[in-house]
Amino acid sequence: MRAEDGGDVVRVYVKPLTIPWETRETGFAAPTATERQMVRRMHYTTLIAKYADQYDVPFDLAEAVVQIESNFRPTVKGNAGEIGLMQVKPATARLMGYKGPDYGLYDPETNIRYGMKYLAGAHDLGGGKICGTILKYNAGHAAKRMNPTSKRYCQRVEAVLEDNKDDVIEKTFAFDFPPKGYAVLAPLVF
């Protein structure tokens, strides 16, 4: 149905990206760090949900791991060579079946896919328990004892899970929509 015939017009906004997998909120004038994190979080929720469901990992746990590992920033690189949203090491990704170059792990979907596959293995090996899962994700699938680093990580995950328990992603921000840097591509008519 066309708009002229009484249909609804929907505007589509698209943000230009600096590189294909990078999604910075430049131009998205979120005034606080919390709101900037929420913008990034909203951007990756669908991917996290897709792969959490595919690999049978609880969504809340998967999202908490992404939040702790990278704060929803896809371009983060760790001190031990971990890459991207889930801080996946290239060698670990290869164990999970990844065949691309190391820099390919900066792609959010690739990173979440292989990171979630590894997290699913940790979840199974950890007996479905939060701290067991985190031990196996952080220290390796063969880890048997909770070391101090993994214990702190588990406490952080539990805190994030508690904080996010009543979260609604569709929050109202203190800035206008559409933000600067977005453009209307074409009206869609339903």
Protein backbone atom coordinates (compact mmCIF):
# COMPACT_ATOMS: atom_id res chain seq x y z
CA MET A 1 0.00 0.00 0.00
CA ARG A 2 1.35 3.42 -0.91
CA ALA A 3 1.48 6.40 1.44
CA GLU A 4 -0.83 8.29 -0.91
CA ASP A 5 -3.41 5.53 -0.39
CA GLY A 6 -3.31 5.75 3.39
CA GLY A 7 -0.28 3.56 4.13
CA ASP A 8 2.26 4.36 6.82
CA VAL A 9 5.57 5.95 5.88
CA VAL A 10 8.62 4.74 7.79
CA ARG A 11 11.90 6.61 7.64
CA VAL A 12 15.12 4.61 7.63
CA TYR A 13 18.24 6.01 9.26
CA VAL A 14 21.68 4.68 8.48
CA LYS A 15 24.92 5.72 10.13
CA PRO A 16 28.09 5.83 8.01
CA LEU A 17 30.80 3.50 9.28
CA THR A 18 34.52 4.14 9.17
CA ILE A 19 35.31 0.49 8.48
CA PRO A 20 32.80 -2.29 7.77
CA TRP A 21 32.78 -3.80 11.25
CA GLU A 22 33.31 -0.69 13.32
CA THR A 23 30.25 0.95 14.81
CA ARG A 24 31.27 4.02 16.70
CA GLU A 25 28.63 6.29 18.04
CA THR A 26 30.34 9.41 16.70
CA GLY A 27 27.65 11.91 15.96
CA PHE A 28 25.45 10.11 18.46
CA ALA A 29 25.70 12.73 21.17
CA ALA A 30 25.01 10.53 24.18
CA PRO A 31 25.95 12.80 27.07
CA THR A 32 27.10 10.18 29.57
CA ALA A 33 29.29 7.09 29.51
CA THR A 34 26.33 4.98 30.64
CA GLU A 35 24.22 6.19 27.72
CA ARG A 36 27.08 5.60 25.25
CA GLN A 37 27.38 2.05 26.59
CA MET A 38 23.61 1.58 26.19
CA VAL A 39 23.83 2.71 22.55
CA ARG A 40 26.57 0.14 21.88
CA ARG A 41 24.66 -2.51 23.83
CA MET A 42 21.50 -1.96 21.78
CA HIS A 43 23.52 -2.27 18.59
CA TYR A 44 24.78 -5.78 19.41
CA THR A 45 21.76 -7.23 21.24
CA THR A 46 20.41 -8.95 18.13
CA LEU A 47 23.72 -10.65 17.34
CA ILE A 48 24.22 -11.72 20.93
CA ALA A 49 20.69 -13.14 21.06
CA LYS A 50 21.09 -14.91 17.71
CA TYR A 51 24.24 -16.79 18.67
CA ALA A 52 23.27 -17.33 22.31
CA ASP A 53 20.13 -19.03 21.05
CA GLN A 54 22.01 -20.98 18.37
CA TYR A 55 24.54 -22.32 20.88
CA ASP A 56 22.08 -22.68 23.79
CA VAL A 57 23.73 -20.13 26.08
CA PRO A 58 21.53 -18.01 28.39
CA PHE A 59 21.22 -14.59 26.77
CA ASP A 60 21.80 -12.68 30.02
CA LEU A 61 25.03 -14.57 30.67
CA ALA A 62 26.24 -14.02 27.09
CA GLU A 63 25.46 -10.31 27.26
CA ALA A 64 27.23 -10.00 30.63
CA VAL A 65 30.36 -11.62 29.18
CA VAL A 66 30.37 -9.17 26.24
CA GLN A 67 29.87 -6.25 28.63
CA ILE A 68 32.76 -7.30 30.87
CA GLU A 69 35.11 -8.33 28.08
CA SER A 70 34.76 -5.25 25.86
CA ASN A 71 32.02 -2.97 27.18
CA PHE A 72 30.36 -3.57 23.79
CA ARG A 73 33.32 -2.10 21.86
CA PRO A 74 34.24 -4.23 18.81
CA THR A 75 37.72 -2.76 18.29
CA VAL A 76 39.18 -3.62 21.71
CA LYS A 77 42.37 -5.69 21.80
CA GLY A 78 43.55 -7.29 25.05
CA ASN A 79 47.09 -7.56 26.39
CA ALA A 80 47.27 -11.28 25.58
CA GLY A 81 46.07 -10.81 21.99
CA GLU A 82 42.33 -11.20 22.66
CA ILE A 83 40.24 -9.46 20.02
CA GLY A 84 36.85 -7.81 19.79
CA LEU A 85 33.56 -7.92 21.64
CA MET A 86 34.10 -11.28 23.37
CA GLN A 87 37.91 -10.92 23.54
CA VAL A 88 38.54 -14.09 21.55
CA LYS A 89 42.12 -15.21 21.02
CA PRO A 90 42.83 -16.15 17.38
CA ALA A 91 44.07 -19.61 18.46
CA THR A 92 40.83 -20.20 20.38
CA ALA A 93 38.75 -19.10 17.39
CA ARG A 94 40.67 -21.55 15.21
CA LEU A 95 39.90 -24.35 17.69
CA MET A 96 36.23 -23.42 17.22
CA GLY A 97 36.54 -23.68 13.41
CA TYR A 98 37.49 -20.14 12.38
CA LYS A 99 39.63 -20.10 9.24
CA GLY A 100 40.02 -16.37 8.58
CA PRO A 101 42.80 -13.92 9.40
CA ASP A 102 43.26 -12.60 12.94
CA TYR A 103 41.86 -9.17 12.02
CA GLY A 104 38.62 -10.84 10.93
CA LEU A 105 37.81 -11.31 14.61
CA TYR A 106 37.19 -7.55 14.83
CA ASP A 107 34.00 -8.17 12.85
CA PRO A 108 31.24 -8.24 15.50
CA GLU A 109 29.30 -11.13 13.99
CA THR A 110 32.40 -13.27 13.49
CA ASN A 111 33.64 -12.50 16.99
CA ILE A 112 30.31 -13.22 18.65
CA ARG A 113 29.82 -16.40 16.61
CA TYR A 114 33.12 -17.98 17.65
CA GLY A 115 33.14 -16.45 21.12
CA MET A 116 29.64 -17.78 21.75
CA LYS A 117 30.63 -21.21 20.48
CA TYR A 118 33.48 -21.22 23.02
CA LEU A 119 31.18 -19.89 25.76
CA ALA A 120 28.69 -22.68 24.97
CA GLY A 121 31.42 -25.26 25.52
CA ALA A 122 32.35 -23.56 28.78
CA HIS A 123 28.68 -23.53 29.81
CA ASP A 124 28.36 -27.28 29.15
CA LEU A 125 31.64 -28.12 30.89
CA GLY A 126 30.74 -25.83 33.81
CA GLY A 127 27.51 -27.71 34.39
CA GLY A 128 25.37 -24.71 33.47
CA LYS A 129 26.46 -22.86 36.62
CA ILE A 130 27.57 -19.25 36.28
CA CYS A 131 30.93 -19.56 38.04
CA GLY A 132 31.68 -22.92 36.43
CA THR A 133 30.99 -21.41 33.02
CA ILE A 134 33.11 -18.34 33.72
CA LEU A 135 36.02 -20.46 34.99
CA LYS A 136 36.01 -22.49 31.78
CA TYR A 137 35.58 -19.39 29.57
CA ASN A 138 38.26 -17.33 31.30
CA ALA A 139 40.88 -19.92 32.27
CA GLY A 140 40.23 -22.45 29.51
CA HIS A 141 37.98 -25.44 29.04
CA ALA A 142 40.47 -27.68 30.86
CA ALA A 143 40.56 -25.51 34.01
CA LYS A 144 39.53 -27.36 37.17
CA ARG A 145 40.02 -24.92 40.06
CA MET A 146 38.69 -21.43 40.55
CA ASN A 147 41.73 -19.15 40.58
CA PRO A 148 41.56 -15.60 42.02
CA THR A 149 41.23 -14.03 38.55
CA SER A 150 38.33 -16.28 37.59
CA LYS A 151 36.71 -15.73 40.99
CA ARG A 152 36.81 -11.95 40.47
CA TYR A 153 35.48 -12.42 36.93
CA CYS A 154 32.60 -14.54 38.26
CA GLN A 155 31.76 -11.88 40.86
CA ARG A 156 31.72 -9.24 38.12
CA VAL A 157 29.42 -11.39 35.96
CA GLU A 158 27.05 -11.94 38.89
CA ALA A 159 27.02 -8.18 39.57
CA VAL A 160 26.30 -7.37 35.91
CA LEU A 161 23.54 -9.98 35.82
CA GLU A 162 21.99 -8.40 38.92
CA ASP A 163 22.33 -4.86 37.49
CA ASN A 164 20.84 -5.88 34.13
CA LYS A 165 18.04 -7.97 35.65
CA ASP A 166 15.39 -5.29 35.31
CA ASP A 167 17.00 -3.41 32.44
CA VAL A 168 14.95 -2.37 29.48
CA ILE A 169 17.09 -1.71 26.46
CA GLU A 170 14.62 0.75 24.98
CA LYS A 171 15.65 3.59 27.27
CA THR A 172 14.92 7.23 26.66
CA PHE A 173 18.11 9.17 26.15
CA ALA A 174 18.72 12.86 26.65
CA PHE A 175 19.40 13.52 22.98
CA ASP A 176 17.30 13.94 19.89
CA PHE A 177 16.59 11.28 17.30
CA PRO A 178 17.75 11.04 14.61
CA PRO A 179 21.22 11.98 15.81
CA LYS A 180 23.69 13.97 13.75
CA GLY A 181 25.48 11.83 11.20
CA TYR A 182 22.33 9.92 10.25
CA ALA A 183 20.51 10.49 7.01
CA VAL A 184 17.14 9.47 5.67
CA LEU A 185 17.75 6.99 2.88
CA ALA A 186 14.27 6.37 1.59
CA PRO A 187 10.77 6.27 2.90
CA LEU A 188 9.34 2.77 3.14
CA VAL A 189 5.63 2.33 2.63
CA PHE A 190 3.66 -0.52 4.17
